[in-house]
Amino acid sequence: MMRRSRVPVALPAEIEDFRDVAWQREGSRQVDTAFDAERFIDRVGFTSCLTDARRPGPSLYVAVCGRRDAVMPRNVQTDPEASHTWQLKDDLLRRGQIYYGKLTGARTLFLARRMVPYFNAVWGLRRADEPRRLSRTARRLLRVLRREWEIATADLRKDAGIADRGRFTRALDELQSAMLVVPSEAYYQPKFTYIWTLAVGRFPDELRRRVRREIALREIARCFLSSAGMTVPGELARVTGLSRPDAGLGNRALVAEGFAVSPARGVYVLADRAEATRPSVTWTARSPAT
């Protein structure tokens, strides 16, 4: 079947400048302290941790670097900016004001508190659905956590009786992606380990708030567009892990209320920036896929 999609050759310079400010990709605005990191995440709503200029969306690492073209080096252990970002991540875990976890598609995201109910409405799991949706191994881990409340990685694995490391890791990722479990602290002595806890213990009000799914999709799209200025086909889905149809639903809801305009299929621009960017956008047709 022949398919033809339209994609922008490049983002307009005005949008790149807008993102430089919003995503703190400037040396004068770079993130240095845990307090800076919290303010950054609160403002953008959600962000990746260690992605670089090759991946779309805001990134704590890029904000620490303070430059648009930041690229993670091959040897991250000796890179001061990557090490500083990792240390800030640990500080944010201890402070407990920002949600952090591996969500859908192995995306590890920071979420501002205000965004937790919307992400939970899309990816969260109610207790009544756990037997049907969670694997047996994940349910075993969850039983241990509900009994112990906080527990280190090795102790969790031992108490759950899971010998296979890969099966344990997959189950833990499953619980994180369902927004049931989060890391609460990291220790490096005598060896590195996370302390795991129930997400509802850290964010009870946010995770108990009920939000309709269509509203959640709209607000996730609004949050991204507010800091991105413009989104191109597939970008919101890549950043958040939403399916492309769900991302489209969220973006089209913003157009319906006048918050955004859509100058081309799959492209959405903040309504108050549409006039400024229109002359700069060039569109081309991708070669037909077979």
C-alpha atoms as a PDB file:
ATOM      1  CA  MET A   1       0.000   0.000   0.000  1.00  0.00           C
ATOM      2  CA  MET A   2       1.342   3.436  -0.933  1.00  0.00           C
ATOM      3  CA  ARG A   3       1.416   6.041   1.798  1.00  0.00           C
ATOM      4  CA  ARG A   4       2.485   9.652   1.579  1.00  0.00           C
ATOM      5  CA  SER A   5       3.063  11.863   4.623  1.00  0.00           C
ATOM      6  CA  ARG A   6       4.005  15.494   4.908  1.00  0.00           C
ATOM      7  CA  VAL A   7       6.807  16.523   7.263  1.00  0.00           C
ATOM      8  CA  PRO A   8       8.603  19.834   7.845  1.00  0.00           C
ATOM      9  CA  VAL A   9      12.119  20.129   6.463  1.00  0.00           C
ATOM     10  CA  ALA A  10      13.158  21.983   9.619  1.00  0.00           C
ATOM     11  CA  LEU A  11      11.573  23.842  12.481  1.00  0.00           C
ATOM     12  CA  PRO A  12      11.335  27.594  11.942  1.00  0.00           C
ATOM     13  CA  ALA A  13      14.126  29.594  13.575  1.00  0.00           C
ATOM     14  CA  GLU A  14      11.503  31.359  15.701  1.00  0.00           C
ATOM     15  CA  ILE A  15      10.399  28.036  17.173  1.00  0.00           C
ATOM     16  CA  GLU A  16      13.966  26.917  17.870  1.00  0.00           C
ATOM     17  CA  ASP A  17      14.568  30.225  19.672  1.00  0.00           C
ATOM     18  CA  PHE A  18      11.322  29.746  21.608  1.00  0.00           C
ATOM     19  CA  ARG A  19      12.461  26.263  22.686  1.00  0.00           C
ATOM     20  CA  ASP A  20      15.881  27.570  23.659  1.00  0.00           C
ATOM     21  CA  VAL A  21      14.192  29.733  26.279  1.00  0.00           C
ATOM     22  CA  ALA A  22      11.479  27.286  27.349  1.00  0.00           C
ATOM     23  CA  TRP A  23      13.758  24.237  27.532  1.00  0.00           C
ATOM     24  CA  GLN A  24      16.691  26.233  28.950  1.00  0.00           C
ATOM     25  CA  ARG A  25      19.047  25.436  26.092  1.00  0.00           C
ATOM     26  CA  GLU A  26      21.011  28.626  26.778  1.00  0.00           C
ATOM     27  CA  GLY A  27      24.142  29.126  28.849  1.00  0.00           C
ATOM     28  CA  SER A  28      22.562  31.943  30.822  1.00  0.00           C
ATOM     29  CA  ARG A  29      19.650  29.725  31.906  1.00  0.00           C
ATOM     30  CA  GLN A  30      21.269  26.333  32.465  1.00  0.00           C
ATOM     31  CA  VAL A  31      20.212  24.171  35.403  1.00  0.00           C
ATOM     32  CA  ASP A  32      22.746  23.840  38.226  1.00  0.00           C
ATOM     33  CA  THR A  33      21.026  22.918  41.499  1.00  0.00           C
ATOM     34  CA  ALA A  34      18.215  20.562  42.501  1.00  0.00           C
ATOM     35  CA  PHE A  35      16.070  23.638  43.129  1.00  0.00           C
ATOM     36  CA  ASP A  36      16.790  24.821  39.574  1.00  0.00           C
ATOM     37  CA  ALA A  37      15.832  21.356  38.294  1.00  0.00           C
ATOM     38  CA  GLU A  38      12.540  21.386  40.198  1.00  0.00           C
ATOM     39  CA  ARG A  39      11.634  24.807  38.821  1.00  0.00           C
ATOM     40  CA  PHE A  40      12.521  23.662  35.295  1.00  0.00           C
ATOM     41  CA  ILE A  41      10.345  20.536  35.539  1.00  0.00           C
ATOM     42  CA  ASP A  42       7.485  22.442  37.173  1.00  0.00           C
ATOM     43  CA  ARG A  43       7.523  24.893  34.281  1.00  0.00           C
ATOM     44  CA  VAL A  44       7.769  22.454  31.346  1.00  0.00           C
ATOM     45  CA  GLY A  45       5.481  19.868  33.001  1.00  0.00           C
ATOM     46  CA  PHE A  46       7.459  16.798  31.992  1.00  0.00           C
ATOM     47  CA  THR A  47      10.954  16.097  30.716  1.00  0.00           C
ATOM     48  CA  SER A  48      13.388  13.323  29.965  1.00  0.00           C
ATOM     49  CA  CYS A  49      16.462  12.876  32.112  1.00  0.00           C
ATOM     50  CA  LEU A  50      19.493  11.959  29.999  1.00  0.00           C
ATOM     51  CA  THR A  51      18.349  12.396  26.390  1.00  0.00           C
ATOM     52  CA  ASP A  52      20.262  14.816  24.207  1.00  0.00           C
ATOM     53  CA  ALA A  53      19.786  16.921  21.070  1.00  0.00           C
ATOM     54  CA  ARG A  54      19.176  13.813  18.957  1.00  0.00           C
ATOM     55  CA  ARG A  55      15.860  13.130  20.720  1.00  0.00           C
ATOM     56  CA  PRO A  56      12.853  15.475  20.687  1.00  0.00           C
ATOM     57  CA  GLY A  57      11.438  17.141  23.757  1.00  0.00           C
ATOM     58  CA  PRO A  58      12.823  18.863  26.830  1.00  0.00           C
ATOM     59  CA  SER A  59      15.713  17.182  28.630  1.00  0.00           C
ATOM     60  CA  LEU A  60      17.269  17.755  32.037  1.00  0.00           C
ATOM     61  CA  TYR A  61      20.672  16.880  30.573  1.00  0.00           C
ATOM     62  CA  VAL A  62      20.346  19.492  27.810  1.00  0.00           C
ATOM     63  CA  ALA A  63      19.215  22.067  30.399  1.00  0.00           C
ATOM     64  CA  VAL A  64      22.265  21.241  32.534  1.00  0.00           C
ATOM     65  CA  CYS A  65      24.498  21.695  29.466  1.00  0.00           C
ATOM     66  CA  GLY A  66      22.704  24.931  28.549  1.00  0.00           C
ATOM     67  CA  ARG A  67      23.119  24.507  24.801  1.00  0.00           C
ATOM     68  CA  ARG A  68      20.871  23.429  21.952  1.00  0.00           C
ATOM     69  CA  ASP A  69      23.328  21.006  20.342  1.00  0.00           C
ATOM     70  CA  ALA A  70      24.284  19.029  23.475  1.00  0.00           C
ATOM     71  CA  VAL A  71      25.151  15.422  22.603  1.00  0.00           C
ATOM     72  CA  MET A  72      25.839  12.731  25.183  1.00  0.00           C
ATOM     73  CA  PRO A  73      29.434  11.479  24.876  1.00  0.00           C
ATOM     74  CA  ARG A  74      30.185   7.812  24.402  1.00  0.00           C
ATOM     75  CA  ASN A  75      31.831   7.546  27.818  1.00  0.00           C
ATOM     76  CA  VAL A  76      29.216   9.111  30.078  1.00  0.00           C
ATOM     77  CA  GLN A  77      30.993   8.036  33.277  1.00  0.00           C
ATOM     78  CA  THR A  78      33.726  10.616  32.735  1.00  0.00           C
ATOM     79  CA  ASP A  79      31.493  13.380  31.385  1.00  0.00           C
ATOM     80  CA  PRO A  80      30.948  16.091  34.037  1.00  0.00           C
ATOM     81  CA  GLU A  81      27.599  17.257  32.631  1.00  0.00           C
ATOM     82  CA  ALA A  82      26.155  13.732  32.476  1.00  0.00           C
ATOM     83  CA  SER A  83      27.445  13.023  36.001  1.00  0.00           C
ATOM     84  CA  HIS A  84      25.925  16.251  37.291  1.00  0.00           C
ATOM     85  CA  THR A  85      22.576  15.413  35.691  1.00  0.00           C
ATOM     86  CA  TRP A  86      22.633  11.980  37.316  1.00  0.00           C
ATOM     87  CA  GLN A  87      23.410  13.558  40.698  1.00  0.00           C
ATOM     88  CA  LEU A  88      20.521  15.986  40.277  1.00  0.00           C
ATOM     89  CA  LYS A  89      18.261  13.018  39.519  1.00  0.00           C
ATOM     90  CA  ASP A  90      19.274  11.436  42.838  1.00  0.00           C
ATOM     91  CA  ASP A  91      18.657  14.727  44.658  1.00  0.00           C
ATOM     92  CA  LEU A  92      15.196  15.016  43.117  1.00  0.00           C
ATOM     93  CA  LEU A  93      14.350  11.481  44.258  1.00  0.00           C
ATOM     94  CA  ARG A  94      15.284  12.334  47.833  1.00  0.00           C
ATOM     95  CA  ARG A  95      13.349  15.601  47.814  1.00  0.00           C
ATOM     96  CA  GLY A  96      10.215  13.781  46.633  1.00  0.00           C
ATOM     97  CA  GLN A  97       8.527  16.738  44.947  1.00  0.00           C
ATOM     98  CA  ILE A  98       8.886  15.484  41.358  1.00  0.00           C
ATOM     99  CA  TYR A  99       7.522  12.210  39.978  1.00  0.00           C
ATOM    100  CA  TYR A 100      10.225  10.066  38.367  1.00  0.00           C
ATOM    101  CA  GLY A 101       9.770   6.689  36.739  1.00  0.00           C
ATOM    102  CA  LYS A 102      10.156   4.527  33.681  1.00  0.00           C
ATOM    103  CA  LEU A 103       6.884   4.921  31.840  1.00  0.00           C
ATOM    104  CA  THR A 104       5.627   3.397  28.617  1.00  0.00           C
ATOM    105  CA  GLY A 105       8.143   2.391  25.969  1.00  0.00           C
ATOM    106  CA  ALA A 106      11.017   2.490  28.502  1.00  0.00           C
ATOM    107  CA  ARG A 107      10.834   6.310  28.610  1.00  0.00           C
ATOM    108  CA  THR A 108      12.141   7.569  31.924  1.00  0.00           C
ATOM    109  CA  LEU A 109      10.409  10.859  32.635  1.00  0.00           C
ATOM    110  CA  PHE A 110      10.191  13.487  35.330  1.00  0.00           C
ATOM    111  CA  LEU A 111       6.632  14.727  35.855  1.00  0.00           C
ATOM    112  CA  ALA A 112       5.542  17.891  37.627  1.00  0.00           C
ATOM    113  CA  ARG A 113       2.889  17.154  40.235  1.00  0.00           C
ATOM    114  CA  ARG A 114       0.183  18.839  38.189  1.00  0.00           C
ATOM    115  CA  MET A 115       0.792  16.415  35.310  1.00  0.00           C
ATOM    116  CA  VAL A 116       0.657  13.196  37.362  1.00  0.00           C
ATOM    117  CA  PRO A 117      -3.169  12.842  37.215  1.00  0.00           C
ATOM    118  CA  TYR A 118      -3.161  13.166  33.413  1.00  0.00           C
ATOM    119  CA  PHE A 119      -0.404  10.622  32.824  1.00  0.00           C
ATOM    120  CA  ASN A 120      -2.080   8.313  35.330  1.00  0.00           C
ATOM    121  CA  ALA A 121      -5.382   8.592  33.461  1.00  0.00           C
ATOM    122  CA  VAL A 122      -3.650   7.262  30.336  1.00  0.00           C
ATOM    123  CA  TRP A 123      -1.173   4.736  31.757  1.00  0.00           C
ATOM    124  CA  GLY A 124      -2.241   4.127  35.346  1.00  0.00           C
ATOM    125  CA  LEU A 125      -3.859   0.945  36.575  1.00  0.00           C
ATOM    126  CA  ARG A 126      -6.691   0.578  39.058  1.00  0.00           C
ATOM    127  CA  ARG A 127      -6.401  -2.106  41.679  1.00  0.00           C
ATOM    128  CA  ALA A 128      -9.393  -4.003  40.348  1.00  0.00           C
ATOM    129  CA  ASP A 129      -7.618  -4.380  36.991  1.00  0.00           C
ATOM    130  CA  GLU A 130      -4.324  -5.659  38.395  1.00  0.00           C
ATOM    131  CA  PRO A 131      -5.096  -9.412  38.181  1.00  0.00           C
ATOM    132  CA  ARG A 132      -6.055  -9.040  34.527  1.00  0.00           C
ATOM    133  CA  ARG A 133      -3.391  -6.574  33.395  1.00  0.00           C
ATOM    134  CA  LEU A 134      -0.290  -7.384  35.445  1.00  0.00           C
ATOM    135  CA  SER A 135       1.945 -10.399  35.035  1.00  0.00           C
ATOM    136  CA  ARG A 136       2.227 -12.885  37.885  1.00  0.00           C
ATOM    137  CA  THR A 137       5.772 -11.733  38.624  1.00  0.00           C
ATOM    138  CA  ALA A 138       4.715  -8.079  38.817  1.00  0.00           C
ATOM    139  CA  ARG A 139       1.915  -8.978  41.230  1.00  0.00           C
ATOM    140  CA  ARG A 140       4.422 -10.787  43.453  1.00  0.00           C
ATOM    141  CA  LEU A 141       6.602  -7.699  43.625  1.00  0.00           C
ATOM    142  CA  LEU A 142       3.593  -5.533  44.336  1.00  0.00           C
ATOM    143  CA  ARG A 143       2.517  -7.734  47.256  1.00  0.00           C
ATOM    144  CA  VAL A 144       5.946  -7.367  48.828  1.00  0.00           C
ATOM    145  CA  LEU A 145       5.924  -3.610  48.385  1.00  0.00           C
ATOM    146  CA  ARG A 146       2.463  -3.247  49.864  1.00  0.00           C
ATOM    147  CA  ARG A 147       3.682  -5.158  52.893  1.00  0.00           C
ATOM    148  CA  GLU A 148       7.074  -3.453  53.305  1.00  0.00           C
ATOM    149  CA  TRP A 149       6.222  -0.030  51.801  1.00  0.00           C
ATOM    150  CA  GLU A 150       9.910   0.740  51.069  1.00  0.00           C
ATOM    151  CA  ILE A 151      12.551  -1.804  50.117  1.00  0.00           C
ATOM    152  CA  ALA A 152      15.930  -2.002  48.352  1.00  0.00           C
ATOM    153  CA  THR A 153      16.251  -3.724  44.977  1.00  0.00           C
ATOM    154  CA  ALA A 154      18.070  -6.853  46.201  1.00  0.00           C
ATOM    155  CA  ASP A 155      15.710  -7.308  49.158  1.00  0.00           C
ATOM    156  CA  LEU A 156      12.678  -6.888  46.917  1.00  0.00           C
ATOM    157  CA  ARG A 157      13.939  -9.540  44.562  1.00  0.00           C
ATOM    158  CA  LYS A 158      14.768 -11.900  47.433  1.00  0.00           C
ATOM    159  CA  ASP A 159      11.466 -11.428  49.293  1.00  0.00           C
ATOM    160  CA  ALA A 160       9.501 -11.962  46.086  1.00  0.00           C
ATOM    161  CA  GLY A 161      11.442 -15.163  45.411  1.00  0.00           C
ATOM    162  CA  ILE A 162      12.442 -14.227  41.851  1.00  0.00           C
ATOM    163  CA  ALA A 163      15.754 -15.796  40.864  1.00  0.00           C
ATOM    164  CA  ASP A 164      15.855 -14.648  37.247  1.00  0.00           C
ATOM    165  CA  ARG A 165      17.238 -11.104  37.047  1.00  0.00           C
ATOM    166  CA  GLY A 166      15.714 -10.390  33.638  1.00  0.00           C
ATOM    167  CA  ARG A 167      12.240 -11.454  34.748  1.00  0.00           C
ATOM    168  CA  PHE A 168      12.590  -9.304  37.868  1.00  0.00           C
ATOM    169  CA  THR A 169      13.640  -6.239  35.837  1.00  0.00           C
ATOM    170  CA  ARG A 170      10.782  -6.656  33.369  1.00  0.00           C
ATOM    171  CA  ALA A 171       8.259  -6.948  36.195  1.00  0.00           C
ATOM    172  CA  LEU A 172       9.653  -3.850  37.914  1.00  0.00           C
ATOM    173  CA  ASP A 173       9.444  -1.921  34.624  1.00  0.00           C
ATOM    174  CA  GLU A 174       5.865  -3.149  34.263  1.00  0.00           C
ATOM    175  CA  LEU A 175       4.945  -1.721  37.676  1.00  0.00           C
ATOM    176  CA  GLN A 176       6.630   1.586  36.879  1.00  0.00           C
ATOM    177  CA  SER A 177       4.860   1.905  33.534  1.00  0.00           C
ATOM    178  CA  ALA A 178       1.528   1.334  35.328  1.00  0.00           C
ATOM    179  CA  MET A 179       2.472   4.165  37.741  1.00  0.00           C
ATOM    180  CA  LEU A 180       2.269   1.848  40.754  1.00  0.00           C
ATOM    181  CA  VAL A 181       5.904   1.873  41.896  1.00  0.00           C
ATOM    182  CA  VAL A 182       8.645   4.533  41.868  1.00  0.00           C
ATOM    183  CA  PRO A 183      12.237   4.784  43.093  1.00  0.00           C
ATOM    184  CA  SER A 184      12.421   6.980  46.190  1.00  0.00           C
ATOM    185  CA  GLU A 185      16.161   7.103  46.810  1.00  0.00           C
ATOM    186  CA  ALA A 186      19.484   5.884  45.454  1.00  0.00           C
ATOM    187  CA  TYR A 187      22.414   4.574  47.495  1.00  0.00           C
ATOM    188  CA  TYR A 188      25.931   3.884  46.255  1.00  0.00           C
ATOM    189  CA  GLN A 189      27.513   2.230  49.311  1.00  0.00           C
ATOM    190  CA  PRO A 190      28.258  -0.614  49.866  1.00  0.00           C
ATOM    191  CA  LYS A 191      26.922  -0.988  46.305  1.00  0.00           C
ATOM    192  CA  PHE A 192      24.487   0.865  44.094  1.00  0.00           C
ATOM    193  CA  THR A 193      20.802   0.245  44.764  1.00  0.00           C
ATOM    194  CA  TYR A 194      17.473   1.994  44.458  1.00  0.00           C
ATOM    195  CA  ILE A 195      14.935   2.095  47.242  1.00  0.00           C
ATOM    196  CA  TRP A 196      11.497   1.325  45.812  1.00  0.00           C
ATOM    197  CA  THR A 197       8.176   2.507  47.149  1.00  0.00           C
ATOM    198  CA  LEU A 198       4.514   2.716  46.185  1.00  0.00           C
ATOM    199  CA  ALA A 199       3.808   5.715  43.989  1.00  0.00           C
ATOM    200  CA  VAL A 200       0.551   6.437  45.798  1.00  0.00           C
ATOM    201  CA  GLY A 201       2.490   6.900  49.023  1.00  0.00           C
ATOM    202  CA  ARG A 202       4.421   9.808  47.530  1.00  0.00           C
ATOM    203  CA  PHE A 203       1.694  11.314  45.357  1.00  0.00           C
ATOM    204  CA  PRO A 204      -1.586  10.291  47.017  1.00  0.00           C
ATOM    205  CA  ASP A 205      -3.737  13.236  45.942  1.00  0.00           C
ATOM    206  CA  GLU A 206      -2.506  13.226  42.375  1.00  0.00           C
ATOM    207  CA  LEU A 207      -2.872   9.471  41.828  1.00  0.00           C
ATOM    208  CA  ARG A 208      -6.324   9.285  43.443  1.00  0.00           C
ATOM    209  CA  ARG A 209      -7.706  12.104  41.322  1.00  0.00           C
ATOM    210  CA  ARG A 210      -9.925  10.785  38.538  1.00  0.00           C
ATOM    211  CA  VAL A 211      -9.578  12.379  35.098  1.00  0.00           C
ATOM    212  CA  ARG A 212     -11.341  11.409  31.894  1.00  0.00           C
ATOM    213  CA  ARG A 213      -8.987  10.025  29.287  1.00  0.00           C
ATOM    214  CA  GLU A 214      -9.881  12.554  26.603  1.00  0.00           C
ATOM    215  CA  ILE A 215      -9.139  15.396  29.029  1.00  0.00           C
ATOM    216  CA  ALA A 216      -5.828  13.789  29.951  1.00  0.00           C
ATOM    217  CA  LEU A 217      -4.798  13.558  26.287  1.00  0.00           C
ATOM    218  CA  ARG A 218      -5.697  17.205  25.737  1.00  0.00           C
ATOM    219  CA  GLU A 219      -3.753  18.392  28.789  1.00  0.00           C
ATOM    220  CA  ILE A 220      -0.663  16.350  27.947  1.00  0.00           C
ATOM    221  CA  ALA A 221      -0.760  17.849  24.451  1.00  0.00           C
ATOM    222  CA  ARG A 222      -1.271  21.340  25.908  1.00  0.00           C
ATOM    223  CA  CYS A 223       1.652  20.917  28.262  1.00  0.00           C
ATOM    224  CA  PHE A 224       4.027  19.909  25.472  1.00  0.00           C
ATOM    225  CA  LEU A 225       2.849  22.527  22.993  1.00  0.00           C
ATOM    226  CA  SER A 226       3.124  25.282  25.605  1.00  0.00           C
ATOM    227  CA  SER A 227       6.874  24.750  25.922  1.00  0.00           C
ATOM    228  CA  ALA A 228       7.558  23.505  22.388  1.00  0.00           C
ATOM    229  CA  GLY A 229       5.702  26.294  20.562  1.00  0.00           C
ATOM    230  CA  MET A 230       4.997  23.917  17.695  1.00  0.00           C
ATOM    231  CA  THR A 231       4.798  20.153  17.255  1.00  0.00           C
ATOM    232  CA  VAL A 232       5.381  18.204  14.039  1.00  0.00           C
ATOM    233  CA  PRO A 233       4.039  14.783  12.988  1.00  0.00           C
ATOM    234  CA  GLY A 234       4.953  12.085  15.489  1.00  0.00           C
ATOM    235  CA  GLU A 235       6.818  14.392  17.870  1.00  0.00           C
ATOM    236  CA  LEU A 236       4.354  14.326  20.783  1.00  0.00           C
ATOM    237  CA  ALA A 237       4.069  10.549  20.489  1.00  0.00           C
ATOM    238  CA  ARG A 238       7.845  10.094  20.536  1.00  0.00           C
ATOM    239  CA  VAL A 239       8.298  12.327  23.564  1.00  0.00           C
ATOM    240  CA  THR A 240       5.498  10.902  25.710  1.00  0.00           C
ATOM    241  CA  GLY A 241       4.904   7.353  24.479  1.00  0.00           C
ATOM    242  CA  LEU A 242       1.352   8.124  23.409  1.00  0.00           C
ATOM    243  CA  SER A 243       0.153   6.375  20.286  1.00  0.00           C
ATOM    244  CA  ARG A 244       0.004   8.679  17.294  1.00  0.00           C
ATOM    245  CA  PRO A 245      -3.817   8.502  17.155  1.00  0.00           C
ATOM    246  CA  ASP A 246      -4.005   9.493  20.847  1.00  0.00           C
ATOM    247  CA  ALA A 247      -1.505  12.303  20.313  1.00  0.00           C
ATOM    248  CA  GLY A 248      -3.642  13.510  17.425  1.00  0.00           C
ATOM    249  CA  LEU A 249      -6.762  13.466  19.574  1.00  0.00           C
ATOM    250  CA  GLY A 250      -5.060  15.620  22.179  1.00  0.00           C
ATOM    251  CA  ASN A 251      -3.724  18.104  19.652  1.00  0.00           C
ATOM    252  CA  ARG A 252      -7.002  18.392  17.754  1.00  0.00           C
ATOM    253  CA  ALA A 253      -8.788  19.146  21.026  1.00  0.00           C
ATOM    254  CA  LEU A 254      -6.470  22.142  21.425  1.00  0.00           C
ATOM    255  CA  VAL A 255      -7.392  23.342  17.939  1.00  0.00           C
ATOM    256  CA  ALA A 256     -11.087  22.978  18.752  1.00  0.00           C
ATOM    257  CA  GLU A 257     -10.768  25.299  21.739  1.00  0.00           C
ATOM    258  CA  GLY A 258      -8.591  27.823  19.888  1.00  0.00           C
ATOM    259  CA  PHE A 259      -5.400  27.146  21.851  1.00  0.00           C
ATOM    260  CA  ALA A 260      -3.608  25.891  18.728  1.00  0.00           C
ATOM    261  CA  VAL A 261      -3.866  26.041  14.962  1.00  0.00           C
ATOM    262  CA  SER A 262      -2.982  23.322  12.449  1.00  0.00           C
ATOM    263  CA  PRO A 263      -1.368  24.741   9.278  1.00  0.00           C
ATOM    264  CA  ALA A 264      -0.717  21.273   7.848  1.00  0.00           C
ATOM    265  CA  ARG A 265      -1.658  17.702   8.645  1.00  0.00           C
ATOM    266  CA  GLY A 266      -0.027  16.596  11.894  1.00  0.00           C
ATOM    267  CA  VAL A 267       1.427  20.048  12.595  1.00  0.00           C
ATOM    268  CA  TYR A 268       0.169  22.135  15.507  1.00  0.00           C
ATOM    269  CA  VAL A 269       1.286  25.621  16.494  1.00  0.00           C
ATOM    270  CA  LEU A 270       0.398  27.748  19.495  1.00  0.00           C
ATOM    271  CA  ALA A 271      -2.309  30.122  18.303  1.00  0.00           C
ATOM    272  CA  ASP A 272      -0.426  33.206  19.497  1.00  0.00           C
ATOM    273  CA  ARG A 273       2.687  32.160  17.508  1.00  0.00           C
ATOM    274  CA  ALA A 274       0.997  31.071  14.285  1.00  0.00           C
ATOM    275  CA  GLU A 275       1.421  34.349  12.401  1.00  0.00           C
ATOM    276  CA  ALA A 276       5.082  34.702  13.343  1.00  0.00           C
ATOM    277  CA  THR A 277       6.002  31.197  12.151  1.00  0.00           C
ATOM    278  CA  ARG A 278       3.869  30.885   9.010  1.00  0.00           C
ATOM    279  CA  PRO A 279       6.339  32.495   6.555  1.00  0.00           C
ATOM    280  CA  SER A 280       9.181  30.293   7.836  1.00  0.00           C
ATOM    281  CA  VAL A 281       7.606  26.862   7.429  1.00  0.00           C
ATOM    282  CA  THR A 282       8.382  24.874   4.290  1.00  0.00           C
ATOM    283  CA  TRP A 283       6.672  21.556   3.610  1.00  0.00           C
ATOM    284  CA  THR A 284       7.775  18.637   1.501  1.00  0.00           C
ATOM    285  CA  ALA A 285       6.310  15.248   0.673  1.00  0.00           C
ATOM    286  CA  ARG A 286       8.228  12.204   1.862  1.00  0.00           C
ATOM    287  CA  SER A 287       8.986   9.561  -0.750  1.00  0.00           C
ATOM    288  CA  PRO A 288       6.216   6.971  -0.987  1.00  0.00           C
ATOM    289  CA  ALA A 289       6.705   4.019   1.370  1.00  0.00           C
ATOM    290  CA  THR A 290       6.178   0.568   0.024  1.00  0.00           C
END
